[in-house]
PDB file of N, CA and C in Angstrom:
ATOM      1  N   MET A   1       1.737  -5.924  -8.445  1.00  0.00           N
ATOM      2  CA  MET A   1       0.694  -5.842  -9.443  1.00  0.00           C
ATOM      3  C   MET A   1       0.423  -7.241  -9.997  1.00  0.00           C
ATOM      4  N   LYS A   2      -0.827  -7.453 -10.312  1.00  0.00           N
ATOM      5  CA  LYS A   2      -1.224  -8.691 -10.957  1.00  0.00           C
ATOM      6  C   LYS A   2      -1.741  -8.349 -12.348  1.00  0.00           C
ATOM      7  N   TRP A   3      -1.371  -9.138 -13.327  1.00  0.00           N
ATOM      8  CA  TRP A   3      -1.733  -8.889 -14.712  1.00  0.00           C
ATOM      9  C   TRP A   3      -2.715  -9.938 -15.191  1.00  0.00           C
ATOM     10  N   CYS A   4      -3.742  -9.482 -15.865  1.00  0.00           N
ATOM     11  CA  CYS A   4      -4.723 -10.385 -16.464  1.00  0.00           C
ATOM     12  C   CYS A   4      -4.010 -11.200 -17.534  1.00  0.00           C
ATOM     13  N   ASP A   5      -4.167 -12.521 -17.488  1.00  0.00           N
ATOM     14  CA  ASP A   5      -3.495 -13.384 -18.458  1.00  0.00           C
ATOM     15  C   ASP A   5      -3.975 -13.133 -19.883  1.00  0.00           C
ATOM     16  N   ASP A   6      -5.239 -12.778 -20.034  1.00  0.00           N
ATOM     17  CA  ASP A   6      -5.752 -12.420 -21.359  1.00  0.00           C
ATOM     18  C   ASP A   6      -6.048 -10.915 -21.377  1.00  0.00           C
ATOM     19  N   LEU A   7      -4.972 -10.171 -21.279  1.00  0.00           N
ATOM     20  CA  LEU A   7      -4.975  -8.718 -21.176  1.00  0.00           C
ATOM     21  C   LEU A   7      -5.717  -8.068 -22.337  1.00  0.00           C
ATOM     22  N   TYR A   8      -6.537  -7.075 -22.016  1.00  0.00           N
ATOM     23  CA  TYR A   8      -7.157  -6.262 -23.059  1.00  0.00           C
ATOM     24  C   TYR A   8      -6.073  -5.317 -23.590  1.00  0.00           C
ATOM     25  N   ILE A   9      -5.910  -5.279 -24.898  1.00  0.00           N
ATOM     26  CA  ILE A   9      -4.855  -4.476 -25.498  1.00  0.00           C
ATOM     27  C   ILE A   9      -5.444  -3.602 -26.595  1.00  0.00           C
ATOM     28  N   GLY A  10      -5.190  -2.312 -26.507  1.00  0.00           N
ATOM     29  CA  GLY A  10      -5.663  -1.392 -27.521  1.00  0.00           C
ATOM     30  C   GLY A  10      -4.981  -1.637 -28.856  1.00  0.00           C
ATOM     31  N   HIS A  11      -5.654  -1.255 -29.919  1.00  0.00           N
ATOM     32  CA  HIS A  11      -5.142  -1.467 -31.280  1.00  0.00           C
ATOM     33  C   HIS A  11      -3.758  -0.838 -31.466  1.00  0.00           C
ATOM     34  N   GLU A  12      -3.595   0.376 -30.975  1.00  0.00           N
ATOM     35  CA  GLU A  12      -2.314   1.072 -31.121  1.00  0.00           C
ATOM     36  C   GLU A  12      -1.213   0.448 -30.267  1.00  0.00           C
ATOM     37  N   ALA A  13      -1.576  -0.198 -29.191  1.00  0.00           N
ATOM     38  CA  ALA A  13      -0.596  -0.808 -28.290  1.00  0.00           C
ATOM     39  C   ALA A  13      -0.260  -2.247 -28.671  1.00  0.00           C
ATOM     40  N   MET A  14      -1.017  -2.825 -29.577  1.00  0.00           N
ATOM     41  CA  MET A  14      -0.891  -4.243 -29.911  1.00  0.00           C
ATOM     42  C   MET A  14       0.527  -4.642 -30.325  1.00  0.00           C
ATOM     43  N   ASP A  15       1.146  -3.889 -31.210  1.00  0.00           N
ATOM     44  CA  ASP A  15       2.474  -4.254 -31.710  1.00  0.00           C
ATOM     45  C   ASP A  15       3.557  -4.159 -30.636  1.00  0.00           C
ATOM     46  N   ASP A  16       3.360  -3.308 -29.636  1.00  0.00           N
ATOM     47  CA  ASP A  16       4.359  -3.102 -28.592  1.00  0.00           C
ATOM     48  C   ASP A  16       3.974  -3.730 -27.259  1.00  0.00           C
ATOM     49  N   LYS A  17       2.983  -4.603 -27.264  1.00  0.00           N
ATOM     50  CA  LYS A  17       2.432  -5.161 -26.023  1.00  0.00           C
ATOM     51  C   LYS A  17       3.513  -5.695 -25.087  1.00  0.00           C
ATOM     52  N   ASP A  18       4.352  -6.606 -25.580  1.00  0.00           N
ATOM     53  CA  ASP A  18       5.363  -7.222 -24.712  1.00  0.00           C
ATOM     54  C   ASP A  18       6.346  -6.192 -24.172  1.00  0.00           C
ATOM     55  N   ASN A  19       6.743  -5.264 -25.006  1.00  0.00           N
ATOM     56  CA  ASN A  19       7.669  -4.214 -24.601  1.00  0.00           C
ATOM     57  C   ASN A  19       7.035  -3.309 -23.549  1.00  0.00           C
ATOM     58  N   ILE A  20       5.781  -2.936 -23.752  1.00  0.00           N
ATOM     59  CA  ILE A  20       5.068  -2.069 -22.808  1.00  0.00           C
ATOM     60  C   ILE A  20       4.956  -2.746 -21.447  1.00  0.00           C
ATOM     61  N   VAL A  21       4.512  -3.989 -21.446  1.00  0.00           N
ATOM     62  CA  VAL A  21       4.331  -4.719 -20.187  1.00  0.00           C
ATOM     63  C   VAL A  21       5.664  -4.907 -19.471  1.00  0.00           C
ATOM     64  N   SER A  22       6.692  -5.298 -20.196  1.00  0.00           N
ATOM     65  CA  SER A  22       7.984  -5.520 -19.536  1.00  0.00           C
ATOM     66  C   SER A  22       8.552  -4.227 -18.962  1.00  0.00           C
ATOM     67  N   LYS A  23       8.376  -3.109 -19.665  1.00  0.00           N
ATOM     68  CA  LYS A  23       8.864  -1.835 -19.138  1.00  0.00           C
ATOM     69  C   LYS A  23       8.112  -1.432 -17.871  1.00  0.00           C
ATOM     70  N   ILE A  24       6.822  -1.675 -17.838  1.00  0.00           N
ATOM     71  CA  ILE A  24       6.054  -1.363 -16.622  1.00  0.00           C
ATOM     72  C   ILE A  24       6.551  -2.235 -15.466  1.00  0.00           C
ATOM     73  N   LYS A  25       6.721  -3.512 -15.733  1.00  0.00           N
ATOM     74  CA  LYS A  25       7.186  -4.431 -14.688  1.00  0.00           C
ATOM     75  C   LYS A  25       8.591  -4.083 -14.207  1.00  0.00           C
ATOM     76  N   GLU A  26       9.423  -3.570 -15.100  1.00  0.00           N
ATOM     77  CA  GLU A  26      10.792  -3.193 -14.747  1.00  0.00           C
ATOM     78  C   GLU A  26      10.877  -1.808 -14.125  1.00  0.00           C
ATOM     79  N   GLY A  27       9.754  -1.096 -14.092  1.00  0.00           N
ATOM     80  CA  GLY A  27       9.732   0.230 -13.493  1.00  0.00           C
ATOM     81  C   GLY A  27      10.351   1.301 -14.365  1.00  0.00           C
ATOM     82  N   LYS A  28      10.239   1.146 -15.681  1.00  0.00           N
ATOM     83  CA  LYS A  28      10.793   2.131 -16.609  1.00  0.00           C
ATOM     84  C   LYS A  28       9.721   3.109 -17.066  1.00  0.00           C
ATOM     85  N   MET A  29      10.139   4.346 -17.260  1.00  0.00           N
ATOM     86  CA  MET A  29       9.235   5.431 -17.640  1.00  0.00           C
ATOM     87  C   MET A  29       8.734   5.253 -19.072  1.00  0.00           C
ATOM     88  N   GLN A  30       7.430   5.445 -19.244  1.00  0.00           N
ATOM     89  CA  GLN A  30       6.815   5.455 -20.564  1.00  0.00           C
ATOM     90  C   GLN A  30       5.762   6.555 -20.575  1.00  0.00           C
ATOM     91  N   PHE A  31       5.715   7.262 -21.680  1.00  0.00           N
ATOM     92  CA  PHE A  31       4.715   8.307 -21.815  1.00  0.00           C
ATOM     93  C   PHE A  31       3.655   7.870 -22.812  1.00  0.00           C
ATOM     94  N   ASN A  32       2.452   8.352 -22.601  1.00  0.00           N
ATOM     95  CA  ASN A  32       1.309   8.081 -23.475  1.00  0.00           C
ATOM     96  C   ASN A  32       0.867   6.619 -23.439  1.00  0.00           C
ATOM     97  N   ILE A  33       1.250   5.913 -22.389  1.00  0.00           N
ATOM     98  CA  ILE A  33       0.805   4.539 -22.176  1.00  0.00           C
ATOM     99  C   ILE A  33      -0.088   4.557 -20.936  1.00  0.00           C
ATOM    100  N   TYR A  34      -1.239   3.916 -21.059  1.00  0.00           N
ATOM    101  CA  TYR A  34      -2.203   3.880 -19.961  1.00  0.00           C
ATOM    102  C   TYR A  34      -2.542   2.442 -19.616  1.00  0.00           C
ATOM    103  N   VAL A  35      -2.805   2.216 -18.336  1.00  0.00           N
ATOM    104  CA  VAL A  35      -3.261   0.900 -17.901  1.00  0.00           C
ATOM    105  C   VAL A  35      -4.672   1.029 -17.348  1.00  0.00           C
ATOM    106  N   LEU A  36      -5.464  -0.001 -17.571  1.00  0.00           N
ATOM    107  CA  LEU A  36      -6.826  -0.072 -17.056  1.00  0.00           C
ATOM    108  C   LEU A  36      -6.807  -1.109 -15.945  1.00  0.00           C
ATOM    109  N   ALA A  37      -7.288  -0.727 -14.795  1.00  0.00           N
ATOM    110  CA  ALA A  37      -7.120  -1.572 -13.619  1.00  0.00           C
ATOM    111  C   ALA A  37      -8.365  -1.589 -12.744  1.00  0.00           C
ATOM    112  N   ALA A  38      -8.391  -2.587 -11.873  1.00  0.00           N
ATOM    113  CA  ALA A  38      -9.455  -2.682 -10.878  1.00  0.00           C
ATOM    114  C   ALA A  38      -9.362  -1.471  -9.964  1.00  0.00           C
ATOM    115  N   PRO A  39     -10.491  -0.889  -9.595  1.00  0.00           N
ATOM    116  CA  PRO A  39     -10.454   0.271  -8.703  1.00  0.00           C
ATOM    117  C   PRO A  39     -10.092  -0.139  -7.277  1.00  0.00           C
ATOM    118  N   PHE A  40      -9.507   0.795  -6.548  1.00  0.00           N
ATOM    119  CA  PHE A  40      -9.182   0.528  -5.148  1.00  0.00           C
ATOM    120  C   PHE A  40     -10.409   0.622  -4.252  1.00  0.00           C
ATOM    121  N   ASN A  41     -11.461   1.270  -4.738  1.00  0.00           N
ATOM    122  CA  ASN A  41     -12.670   1.411  -3.928  1.00  0.00           C
ATOM    123  C   ASN A  41     -13.795   0.578  -4.534  1.00  0.00           C
ATOM    124  N   ASP A  42     -14.908   0.524  -3.841  1.00  0.00           N
ATOM    125  CA  ASP A  42     -16.037  -0.283  -4.298  1.00  0.00           C
ATOM    126  C   ASP A  42     -17.078   0.520  -5.080  1.00  0.00           C
ATOM    127  N   THR A  43     -16.837   1.795  -5.298  1.00  0.00           N
ATOM    128  CA  THR A  43     -17.820   2.608  -6.003  1.00  0.00           C
ATOM    129  C   THR A  43     -17.488   2.802  -7.484  1.00  0.00           C
ATOM    130  N   ASP A  44     -16.201   2.783  -7.832  1.00  0.00           N
ATOM    131  CA  ASP A  44     -15.809   2.963  -9.224  1.00  0.00           C
ATOM    132  C   ASP A  44     -15.882   1.637  -9.972  1.00  0.00           C
ATOM    133  N   VAL A  45     -16.012   1.726 -11.279  1.00  0.00           N
ATOM    134  CA  VAL A  45     -16.067   0.524 -12.114  1.00  0.00           C
ATOM    135  C   VAL A  45     -14.663   0.134 -12.560  1.00  0.00           C
ATOM    136  N   LEU A  46     -13.863   1.125 -12.929  1.00  0.00           N
ATOM    137  CA  LEU A  46     -12.542   0.880 -13.499  1.00  0.00           C
ATOM    138  C   LEU A  46     -11.682   2.113 -13.287  1.00  0.00           C
ATOM    139  N   ASP A  47     -10.388   1.929 -13.094  1.00  0.00           N
ATOM    140  CA  ASP A  47      -9.463   3.050 -12.982  1.00  0.00           C
ATOM    141  C   ASP A  47      -8.538   3.062 -14.190  1.00  0.00           C
ATOM    142  N   ILE A  48      -8.219   4.253 -14.661  1.00  0.00           N
ATOM    143  CA  ILE A  48      -7.266   4.430 -15.753  1.00  0.00           C
ATOM    144  C   ILE A  48      -6.079   5.212 -15.198  1.00  0.00           C
ATOM    145  N   TYR A  49      -4.878   4.640 -15.358  1.00  0.00           N
ATOM    146  CA  TYR A  49      -3.669   5.280 -14.857  1.00  0.00           C
ATOM    147  C   TYR A  49      -2.680   5.505 -15.995  1.00  0.00           C
ATOM    148  N   PRO A  50      -2.023   6.670 -16.034  1.00  0.00           N
ATOM    149  CA  PRO A  50      -0.863   6.785 -16.913  1.00  0.00           C
ATOM    150  C   PRO A  50       0.191   5.812 -16.370  1.00  0.00           C
ATOM    151  N   SER A  51       0.885   5.124 -17.237  1.00  0.00           N
ATOM    152  CA  SER A  51       1.792   4.067 -16.770  1.00  0.00           C
ATOM    153  C   SER A  51       2.873   4.581 -15.824  1.00  0.00           C
ATOM    154  N   TYR A  52       3.300   5.835 -15.979  1.00  0.00           N
ATOM    155  CA  TYR A  52       4.359   6.340 -15.108  1.00  0.00           C
ATOM    156  C   TYR A  52       3.919   6.433 -13.649  1.00  0.00           C
ATOM    157  N   VAL A  53       2.616   6.498 -13.396  1.00  0.00           N
ATOM    158  CA  VAL A  53       2.121   6.529 -12.016  1.00  0.00           C
ATOM    159  C   VAL A  53       2.460   5.218 -11.306  1.00  0.00           C
ATOM    160  N   LEU A  54       2.508   4.142 -12.062  1.00  0.00           N
ATOM    161  CA  LEU A  54       2.777   2.821 -11.476  1.00  0.00           C
ATOM    162  C   LEU A  54       4.218   2.670 -11.006  1.00  0.00           C
ATOM    163  N   LEU A  55       5.074   3.642 -11.267  1.00  0.00           N
ATOM    164  CA  LEU A  55       6.453   3.597 -10.796  1.00  0.00           C
ATOM    165  C   LEU A  55       6.549   3.877  -9.294  1.00  0.00           C
ATOM    166  N   GLN A  56       5.487   4.416  -8.718  1.00  0.00           N
ATOM    167  CA  GLN A  56       5.469   4.693  -7.286  1.00  0.00           C
ATOM    168  C   GLN A  56       5.432   3.383  -6.508  1.00  0.00           C
ATOM    169  N   LYS A  57       6.144   3.339  -5.404  1.00  0.00           N
ATOM    170  CA  LYS A  57       6.201   2.122  -4.584  1.00  0.00           C
ATOM    171  C   LYS A  57       4.811   1.655  -4.162  1.00  0.00           C
ATOM    172  N   ARG A  58       3.937   2.602  -3.959  1.00  0.00           N
ATOM    173  CA  ARG A  58       2.556   2.271  -3.555  1.00  0.00           C
ATOM    174  C   ARG A  58       1.930   1.277  -4.532  1.00  0.00           C
ATOM    175  N   TYR A  59       2.218   1.449  -5.811  1.00  0.00           N
ATOM    176  CA  TYR A  59       1.636   0.585  -6.825  1.00  0.00           C
ATOM    177  C   TYR A  59       2.496  -0.645  -7.099  1.00  0.00           C
ATOM    178  N   LEU A  60       3.809  -0.486  -7.095  1.00  0.00           N
ATOM    179  CA  LEU A  60       4.689  -1.616  -7.393  1.00  0.00           C
ATOM    180  C   LEU A  60       4.495  -2.756  -6.412  1.00  0.00           C
ATOM    181  N   ASN A  61       4.214  -2.414  -5.166  1.00  0.00           N
ATOM    182  CA  ASN A  61       4.059  -3.439  -4.127  1.00  0.00           C
ATOM    183  C   ASN A  61       2.601  -3.738  -3.805  1.00  0.00           C
ATOM    184  N   SER A  62       1.700  -3.293  -4.662  1.00  0.00           N
ATOM    185  CA  SER A  62       0.279  -3.470  -4.379  1.00  0.00           C
ATOM    186  C   SER A  62      -0.269  -4.713  -5.073  1.00  0.00           C
ATOM    187  N   GLU A  63      -1.503  -5.020  -4.765  1.00  0.00           N
ATOM    188  CA  GLU A  63      -2.218  -6.132  -5.410  1.00  0.00           C
ATOM    189  C   GLU A  63      -3.090  -5.604  -6.549  1.00  0.00           C
ATOM    190  N   LEU A  64      -2.710  -4.463  -7.113  1.00  0.00           N
ATOM    191  CA  LEU A  64      -3.454  -3.852  -8.200  1.00  0.00           C
ATOM    192  C   LEU A  64      -3.594  -4.849  -9.350  1.00  0.00           C
ATOM    193  N   MET A  65      -4.813  -5.022  -9.818  1.00  0.00           N
ATOM    194  CA  MET A  65      -5.086  -5.960 -10.912  1.00  0.00           C
ATOM    195  C   MET A  65      -5.222  -5.179 -12.204  1.00  0.00           C
ATOM    196  N   ILE A  66      -4.317  -5.443 -13.137  1.00  0.00           N
ATOM    197  CA  ILE A  66      -4.293  -4.758 -14.423  1.00  0.00           C
ATOM    198  C   ILE A  66      -5.132  -5.556 -15.416  1.00  0.00           C
ATOM    199  N   TYR A  67      -6.117  -4.881 -16.019  1.00  0.00           N
ATOM    200  CA  TYR A  67      -7.001  -5.516 -16.996  1.00  0.00           C
ATOM    201  C   TYR A  67      -6.571  -5.259 -18.427  1.00  0.00           C
ATOM    202  N   GLY A  68      -5.952  -4.092 -18.690  1.00  0.00           N
ATOM    203  CA  GLY A  68      -5.626  -3.761 -20.064  1.00  0.00           C
ATOM    204  C   GLY A  68      -4.608  -2.650 -20.172  1.00  0.00           C
ATOM    205  N   ILE A  69      -4.090  -2.472 -21.398  1.00  0.00           N
ATOM    206  CA  ILE A  69      -3.151  -1.403 -21.697  1.00  0.00           C
ATOM    207  C   ILE A  69      -3.594  -0.698 -22.981  1.00  0.00           C
ATOM    208  N   ALA A  70      -3.215   0.566 -23.085  1.00  0.00           N
ATOM    209  CA  ALA A  70      -3.598   1.360 -24.252  1.00  0.00           C
ATOM    210  C   ALA A  70      -2.549   2.431 -24.504  1.00  0.00           C
ATOM    211  N   LYS A  71      -2.461   2.857 -25.766  1.00  0.00           N
ATOM    212  CA  LYS A  71      -1.627   3.997 -26.133  1.00  0.00           C
ATOM    213  C   LYS A  71      -2.542   5.197 -26.302  1.00  0.00           C
ATOM    214  N   GLY A  72      -2.364   6.166 -25.437  1.00  0.00           N
ATOM    215  CA  GLY A  72      -3.149   7.393 -25.515  1.00  0.00           C
ATOM    216  C   GLY A  72      -4.448   7.313 -24.730  1.00  0.00           C
ATOM    217  N   LYS A  73      -4.921   8.481 -24.318  1.00  0.00           N
ATOM    218  CA  LYS A  73      -6.152   8.567 -23.530  1.00  0.00           C
ATOM    219  C   LYS A  73      -7.371   8.086 -24.311  1.00  0.00           C
ATOM    220  N   GLU A  74      -7.448   8.481 -25.567  1.00  0.00           N
ATOM    221  CA  GLU A  74      -8.607   8.101 -26.378  1.00  0.00           C
ATOM    222  C   GLU A  74      -8.735   6.583 -26.467  1.00  0.00           C
ATOM    223  N   GLU A  75      -7.617   5.922 -26.705  1.00  0.00           N
ATOM    224  CA  GLU A  75      -7.655   4.460 -26.776  1.00  0.00           C
ATOM    225  C   GLU A  75      -7.980   3.861 -25.414  1.00  0.00           C
ATOM    226  N   ALA A  76      -7.509   4.472 -24.349  1.00  0.00           N
ATOM    227  CA  ALA A  76      -7.842   3.994 -23.001  1.00  0.00           C
ATOM    228  C   ALA A  76      -9.341   4.077 -22.751  1.00  0.00           C
ATOM    229  N   TYR A  77      -9.961   5.165 -23.208  1.00  0.00           N
ATOM    230  CA  TYR A  77     -11.413   5.302 -23.059  1.00  0.00           C
ATOM    231  C   TYR A  77     -12.144   4.258 -23.905  1.00  0.00           C
ATOM    232  N   ASP A  78     -11.646   4.011 -25.112  1.00  0.00           N
ATOM    233  CA  ASP A  78     -12.252   2.987 -25.965  1.00  0.00           C
ATOM    234  C   ASP A  78     -12.146   1.603 -25.332  1.00  0.00           C
ATOM    235  N   MET A  79     -10.984   1.309 -24.753  1.00  0.00           N
ATOM    236  CA  MET A  79     -10.783   0.009 -24.102  1.00  0.00           C
ATOM    237  C   MET A  79     -11.681  -0.130 -22.873  1.00  0.00           C
ATOM    238  N   THR A  80     -11.864   0.965 -22.158  1.00  0.00           N
ATOM    239  CA  THR A  80     -12.761   0.954 -21.000  1.00  0.00           C
ATOM    240  C   THR A  80     -14.168   0.570 -21.432  1.00  0.00           C
ATOM    241  N   GLN A  81     -14.631   1.189 -22.505  1.00  0.00           N
ATOM    242  CA  GLN A  81     -15.960   0.875 -23.022  1.00  0.00           C
ATOM    243  C   GLN A  81     -16.055  -0.596 -23.421  1.00  0.00           C
ATOM    244  N   LEU A  82     -15.034  -1.114 -24.081  1.00  0.00           N
ATOM    245  CA  LEU A  82     -15.030  -2.512 -24.507  1.00  0.00           C
ATOM    246  C   LEU A  82     -15.098  -3.466 -23.313  1.00  0.00           C
ATOM    247  N   ILE A  83     -14.300  -3.202 -22.298  1.00  0.00           N
ATOM    248  CA  ILE A  83     -14.278  -4.070 -21.113  1.00  0.00           C
ATOM    249  C   ILE A  83     -15.629  -4.041 -20.409  1.00  0.00           C
ATOM    250  N   ILE A  84     -16.185  -2.855 -20.240  1.00  0.00           N
ATOM    251  CA  ILE A  84     -17.483  -2.727 -19.563  1.00  0.00           C
ATOM    252  C   ILE A  84     -18.578  -3.428 -20.355  1.00  0.00           C
ATOM    253  N   MET A  85     -18.570  -3.280 -21.666  1.00  0.00           N
ATOM    254  CA  MET A  85     -19.593  -3.933 -22.493  1.00  0.00           C
ATOM    255  C   MET A  85     -19.427  -5.452 -22.484  1.00  0.00           C
ATOM    256  N   ASP A  86     -18.203  -5.952 -22.468  1.00  0.00           N
ATOM    257  CA  ASP A  86     -17.985  -7.396 -22.350  1.00  0.00           C
ATOM    258  C   ASP A  86     -18.571  -7.921 -21.047  1.00  0.00           C
ATOM    259  N   CYS A  87     -18.358  -7.184 -19.973  1.00  0.00           N
ATOM    260  CA  CYS A  87     -18.908  -7.557 -18.678  1.00  0.00           C
ATOM    261  C   CYS A  87     -20.429  -7.565 -18.717  1.00  0.00           C
ATOM    262  N   PHE A  88     -21.021  -6.507 -19.284  1.00  0.00           N
ATOM    263  CA  PHE A  88     -22.477  -6.415 -19.328  1.00  0.00           C
ATOM    264  C   PHE A  88     -23.084  -7.517 -20.191  1.00  0.00           C
ATOM    265  N   ARG A  89     -22.460  -7.806 -21.340  1.00  0.00           N
ATOM    266  CA  ARG A  89     -22.963  -8.881 -22.208  1.00  0.00           C
ATOM    267  C   ARG A  89     -22.927 -10.238 -21.497  1.00  0.00           C
ATOM    268  N   ALA A  90     -21.892 -10.461 -20.715  1.00  0.00           N
ATOM    269  CA  ALA A  90     -21.725 -11.753 -20.047  1.00  0.00           C
ATOM    270  C   ALA A  90     -22.599 -11.896 -18.808  1.00  0.00           C
ATOM    271  N   THR A  91     -22.841 -10.785 -18.096  1.00  0.00           N
ATOM    272  CA  THR A  91     -23.518 -10.891 -16.801  1.00  0.00           C
ATOM    273  C   THR A  91     -24.825 -10.116 -16.705  1.00  0.00           C
ATOM    274  N   GLY A  92     -25.025  -9.151 -17.587  1.00  0.00           N
ATOM    275  CA  GLY A  92     -26.198  -8.291 -17.477  1.00  0.00           C
ATOM    276  C   GLY A  92     -26.054  -7.252 -16.379  1.00  0.00           C
ATOM    277  N   GLN A  93     -24.837  -7.120 -15.845  1.00  0.00           N
ATOM    278  CA  GLN A  93     -24.559  -6.165 -14.766  1.00  0.00           C
ATOM    279  C   GLN A  93     -23.257  -5.434 -15.055  1.00  0.00           C
ATOM    280  N   PHE A  94     -22.989  -4.432 -14.232  1.00  0.00           N
ATOM    281  CA  PHE A  94     -21.764  -3.667 -14.387  1.00  0.00           C
ATOM    282  C   PHE A  94     -20.807  -3.924 -13.218  1.00  0.00           C
ATOM    283  N   LYS A  95     -20.826  -5.105 -12.680  1.00  0.00           N
ATOM    284  CA  LYS A  95     -19.922  -5.470 -11.584  1.00  0.00           C
ATOM    285  C   LYS A  95     -18.624  -5.998 -12.190  1.00  0.00           C
ATOM    286  N   LEU A  96     -17.833  -5.067 -12.689  1.00  0.00           N
ATOM    287  CA  LEU A  96     -16.653  -5.405 -13.464  1.00  0.00           C
ATOM    288  C   LEU A  96     -15.598  -6.148 -12.658  1.00  0.00           C
ATOM    289  N   LYS A  97     -15.325  -5.682 -11.466  1.00  0.00           N
ATOM    290  CA  LYS A  97     -14.293  -6.316 -10.640  1.00  0.00           C
ATOM    291  C   LYS A  97     -14.648  -7.783 -10.374  1.00  0.00           C
ATOM    292  N   GLU A  98     -15.886  -8.027 -10.016  1.00  0.00           N
ATOM    293  CA  GLU A  98     -16.361  -9.390  -9.762  1.00  0.00           C
ATOM    294  C   GLU A  98     -16.288 -10.238 -11.039  1.00  0.00           C
ATOM    295  N   TYR A  99     -16.713  -9.664 -12.152  1.00  0.00           N
ATOM    296  CA  TYR A  99     -16.678 -10.358 -13.441  1.00  0.00           C
ATOM    297  C   TYR A  99     -15.242 -10.745 -13.811  1.00  0.00           C
ATOM    298  N   MET A 100     -14.319  -9.809 -13.693  1.00  0.00           N
ATOM    299  CA  MET A 100     -12.929 -10.087 -14.067  1.00  0.00           C
ATOM    300  C   MET A 100     -12.316 -11.148 -13.155  1.00  0.00           C
ATOM    301  N   GLU A 101     -12.569 -11.065 -11.857  1.00  0.00           N
ATOM    302  CA  GLU A 101     -12.001 -12.045 -10.930  1.00  0.00           C
ATOM    303  C   GLU A 101     -12.558 -13.446 -11.162  1.00  0.00           C
ATOM    304  N   ASN A 102     -13.821 -13.540 -11.564  1.00  0.00           N
ATOM    305  CA  ASN A 102     -14.456 -14.843 -11.751  1.00  0.00           C
ATOM    306  C   ASN A 102     -14.224 -15.439 -13.129  1.00  0.00           C
ATOM    307  N   ASN A 103     -13.892 -14.619 -14.126  1.00  0.00           N
ATOM    308  CA  ASN A 103     -13.800 -15.113 -15.504  1.00  0.00           C
ATOM    309  C   ASN A 103     -12.425 -14.991 -16.126  1.00  0.00           C
ATOM    310  N   HIS A 104     -11.475 -14.453 -15.404  1.00  0.00           N
ATOM    311  CA  HIS A 104     -10.120 -14.275 -15.942  1.00  0.00           C
ATOM    312  C   HIS A 104      -9.101 -14.676 -14.884  1.00  0.00           C
ATOM    313  N   SER A 105      -7.951 -15.144 -15.332  1.00  0.00           N
ATOM    314  CA  SER A 105      -6.892 -15.477 -14.386  1.00  0.00           C
ATOM    315  C   SER A 105      -5.831 -14.378 -14.398  1.00  0.00           C
ATOM    316  N   PHE A 106      -5.150 -14.235 -13.279  1.00  0.00           N
ATOM    317  CA  PHE A 106      -4.152 -13.181 -13.096  1.00  0.00           C
ATOM    318  C   PHE A 106      -2.851 -13.782 -12.586  1.00  0.00           C
ATOM    319  N   THR A 107      -1.750 -13.231 -13.086  1.00  0.00           N
ATOM    320  CA  THR A 107      -0.431 -13.661 -12.590  1.00  0.00           C
ATOM    321  C   THR A 107       0.392 -12.468 -12.182  1.00  0.00           C
TER     322      THR A 107
END
């Protein structure tokens, strides 16, 4: 997985950001934590995953690009809207994957 250096973080997740990210990287189970990521296909704008899904080897060894984290589904939806609107304001388009790759760095 690759993480956006300037990760979008939901308000509820802000205080636990470092703990949330480190637990995901260490492969530890967390409930009610969601990640916003680049889609695997070219038709979707953004994918939202419960963090426990990322414990699967398919994701741990993938080039999945994580854009943001959130606590709870509602906050994940709010963060999705924020990311999409940031992209649209900057480019006038909804090509989120292209926007994120060109305007953000990942490690």
